[in-house]
Amino acid sequence: MDQRRKDQLSSLFWLGWAVIFCIASIRLSVGALREPGSGFFPFLGGSILGLLSLANFLKNIKGVTTKAESSKSSIKWKNIIVTLAILFAFPFLLDLMGFIPTTFLFFVLLLRLIEPQRWAVVFGGSASATILLYFVFQFWLKIKFPIGFFGI
């Protein structure tokens, strides 16, 4: 079985899981945008998974290849290990440092260590993502995070 066929089958597999997630989350009550129910985030995740799976499936049917797919690159284990270390450290640093500094540091490390970006992109992207996430969690979802020793 060639790689394109495997990608098509895996896309259909994940599309099936996305449908299951969406159906199950509707049963949990999705709620409204201003008052999300317990099924809101699973529905949102299932929808995103479904859209990405469908896009990947259609891309493979058309035969479109990306630069990364066309080059025979090996798995970058260093990037995987660094990403996992950062992800596991995040919840521990969240209590210690607080939401804003931890989230900013999280994005700085990911943007600089995994696929090194220019410093302007690293700081601009990290600040933008941190501000966006702060407003989503604090004001829209009304979730309280630890303050940390910085007081923010």
Protein backbone atom coordinates (compact mmCIF):
# COMPACT_ATOMS: atom_id res chain seq x y z
CA MET A 1 0.00 0.00 0.00
CA ASP A 2 1.48 3.37 -0.99
CA GLN A 3 1.79 6.35 1.33
CA ARG A 4 -1.05 8.30 -0.31
CA ARG A 5 -3.48 5.44 0.28
CA LYS A 6 -2.36 5.15 3.92
CA ASP A 7 -2.91 8.89 4.40
CA GLN A 8 -6.39 8.64 2.90
CA LEU A 9 -7.32 5.75 5.20
CA SER A 10 -5.95 7.48 8.30
CA SER A 11 -7.87 10.64 7.35
CA LEU A 12 -11.10 8.64 7.11
CA PHE A 13 -10.31 6.98 10.46
CA TRP A 14 -9.90 10.37 12.18
CA LEU A 15 -12.95 11.74 10.39
CA GLY A 16 -14.95 8.86 11.89
CA TRP A 17 -13.65 9.67 15.37
CA ALA A 18 -14.52 13.34 14.82
CA VAL A 19 -18.11 12.41 14.01
CA ILE A 20 -18.29 10.22 17.14
CA PHE A 21 -16.89 13.11 19.26
CA CYS A 22 -19.40 15.58 17.84
CA ILE A 23 -22.38 13.25 18.37
CA ALA A 24 -21.30 12.45 21.94
CA SER A 25 -20.73 16.11 22.78
CA ILE A 26 -24.16 17.08 21.46
CA ARG A 27 -25.61 14.58 23.94
CA LEU A 28 -23.65 16.38 26.70
CA SER A 29 -25.24 19.72 25.74
CA VAL A 30 -23.07 22.05 23.72
CA GLY A 31 -24.70 25.16 25.14
CA ALA A 32 -24.28 28.59 23.58
CA LEU A 33 -21.23 30.67 22.74
CA ARG A 34 -21.80 32.94 25.76
CA GLU A 35 -22.61 30.02 28.07
CA PRO A 36 -20.80 26.92 26.84
CA GLY A 37 -22.09 23.58 28.10
CA SER A 38 -20.04 20.55 29.06
CA GLY A 39 -20.02 19.36 25.46
CA PHE A 40 -18.80 22.62 23.94
CA PHE A 41 -15.06 21.93 23.89
CA PRO A 42 -15.41 18.29 22.81
CA PHE A 43 -17.69 19.47 20.01
CA LEU A 44 -15.21 22.18 19.03
CA GLY A 45 -12.33 19.69 19.11
CA GLY A 46 -14.30 17.13 17.12
CA SER A 47 -15.24 19.76 14.55
CA ILE A 48 -11.64 20.88 14.11
CA LEU A 49 -10.47 17.27 13.90
CA GLY A 50 -13.14 16.56 11.30
CA LEU A 51 -12.26 19.60 9.18
CA LEU A 52 -8.55 18.82 9.26
CA SER A 53 -9.18 15.15 8.44
CA LEU A 54 -11.42 16.08 5.55
CA ALA A 55 -8.89 18.61 4.24
CA ASN A 56 -6.10 16.01 4.44
CA PHE A 57 -8.28 13.43 2.69
CA LEU A 58 -9.14 15.83 -0.14
CA LYS A 59 -5.49 16.88 -0.45
CA ASN A 60 -4.44 13.26 -0.85
CA ILE A 61 -7.14 12.59 -3.45
CA LYS A 62 -5.90 15.55 -5.50
CA GLY A 63 -2.32 14.32 -5.13
CA VAL A 64 -0.96 17.56 -3.68
CA THR A 65 2.37 17.09 -1.91
CA THR A 66 4.09 19.54 0.37
CA LYS A 67 7.79 20.30 0.55
CA ALA A 68 8.13 18.29 3.78
CA GLU A 69 6.42 15.26 2.24
CA SER A 70 8.52 15.33 -0.91
CA SER A 71 11.84 15.36 0.95
CA LYS A 72 12.86 12.17 2.70
CA SER A 73 13.42 13.68 6.14
CA SER A 74 13.84 11.56 9.22
CA ILE A 75 12.01 12.00 12.49
CA LYS A 76 13.52 14.75 14.60
CA TRP A 77 13.59 13.04 17.99
CA LYS A 78 15.17 16.05 19.67
CA ASN A 79 12.14 18.18 18.76
CA ILE A 80 9.73 15.53 20.05
CA ILE A 81 11.56 15.18 23.36
CA VAL A 82 11.86 18.97 23.83
CA THR A 83 8.15 19.45 23.04
CA LEU A 84 7.12 16.73 25.50
CA ALA A 85 9.39 18.17 28.20
CA ILE A 86 7.89 21.64 27.71
CA LEU A 87 4.34 20.25 27.77
CA PHE A 88 4.99 18.28 30.97
CA ALA A 89 6.67 21.25 32.66
CA PHE A 90 3.82 23.66 31.86
CA PRO A 91 1.35 22.58 34.60
CA PHE A 92 4.09 22.55 37.26
CA LEU A 93 5.32 26.01 36.32
CA LEU A 94 1.74 27.29 36.15
CA ASP A 95 1.34 27.06 39.94
CA LEU A 96 4.79 28.47 40.58
CA MET A 97 4.95 31.35 38.10
CA GLY A 98 1.31 32.07 37.22
CA PHE A 99 -0.58 31.90 33.92
CA ILE A 100 0.85 34.86 32.00
CA PRO A 101 4.61 34.29 32.52
CA THR A 102 4.28 30.51 32.09
CA THR A 103 2.27 30.78 28.88
CA PHE A 104 4.64 33.38 27.46
CA LEU A 105 7.66 31.21 28.31
CA PHE A 106 5.89 28.15 26.85
CA PHE A 107 5.44 29.85 23.47
CA VAL A 108 8.93 31.39 23.48
CA LEU A 109 10.49 27.97 24.02
CA LEU A 110 8.34 26.27 21.41
CA LEU A 111 8.89 28.95 18.78
CA ARG A 112 12.63 29.22 19.39
CA LEU A 113 13.66 25.61 20.10
CA ILE A 114 11.49 23.49 17.82
CA GLU A 115 11.67 25.42 14.53
CA PRO A 116 13.84 28.43 15.31
CA GLN A 117 12.12 31.67 14.34
CA ARG A 118 13.42 35.22 14.32
CA TRP A 119 13.30 36.88 17.75
CA ALA A 120 10.68 39.38 16.58
CA VAL A 121 8.40 36.50 15.57
CA VAL A 122 9.13 34.64 18.81
CA PHE A 123 8.31 37.57 21.10
CA GLY A 124 5.47 38.95 18.98
CA GLY A 125 3.83 35.55 18.55
CA SER A 126 4.30 34.61 22.20
CA ALA A 127 2.87 37.92 23.44
CA SER A 128 -0.09 37.71 21.04
CA ALA A 129 -0.89 34.12 21.97
CA THR A 130 -0.56 34.85 25.69
CA ILE A 131 -2.85 37.88 25.52
CA LEU A 132 -5.42 36.03 23.43
CA LEU A 133 -5.45 33.02 25.76
CA TYR A 134 -5.63 35.27 28.82
CA PHE A 135 -8.73 37.02 27.51
CA VAL A 136 -10.36 33.75 26.42
CA PHE A 137 -9.83 32.04 29.77
CA GLN A 138 -10.19 34.98 32.18
CA PHE A 139 -12.98 37.03 30.60
CA TRP A 140 -14.90 34.76 28.25
CA LEU A 141 -14.75 31.45 30.13
CA LYS A 142 -14.24 33.01 33.58
CA ILE A 143 -11.54 30.52 34.58
CA LYS A 144 -9.27 31.56 37.42
CA PHE A 145 -5.62 30.60 37.17
CA PRO A 146 -2.94 30.70 39.87
CA ILE A 147 -1.30 34.07 40.29
CA GLY A 148 2.25 32.85 41.01
CA PHE A 149 5.11 34.67 42.64
CA PHE A 150 5.16 37.46 40.02
CA GLY A 151 1.69 38.58 41.13
CA ILE A 152 0.29 38.26 37.59
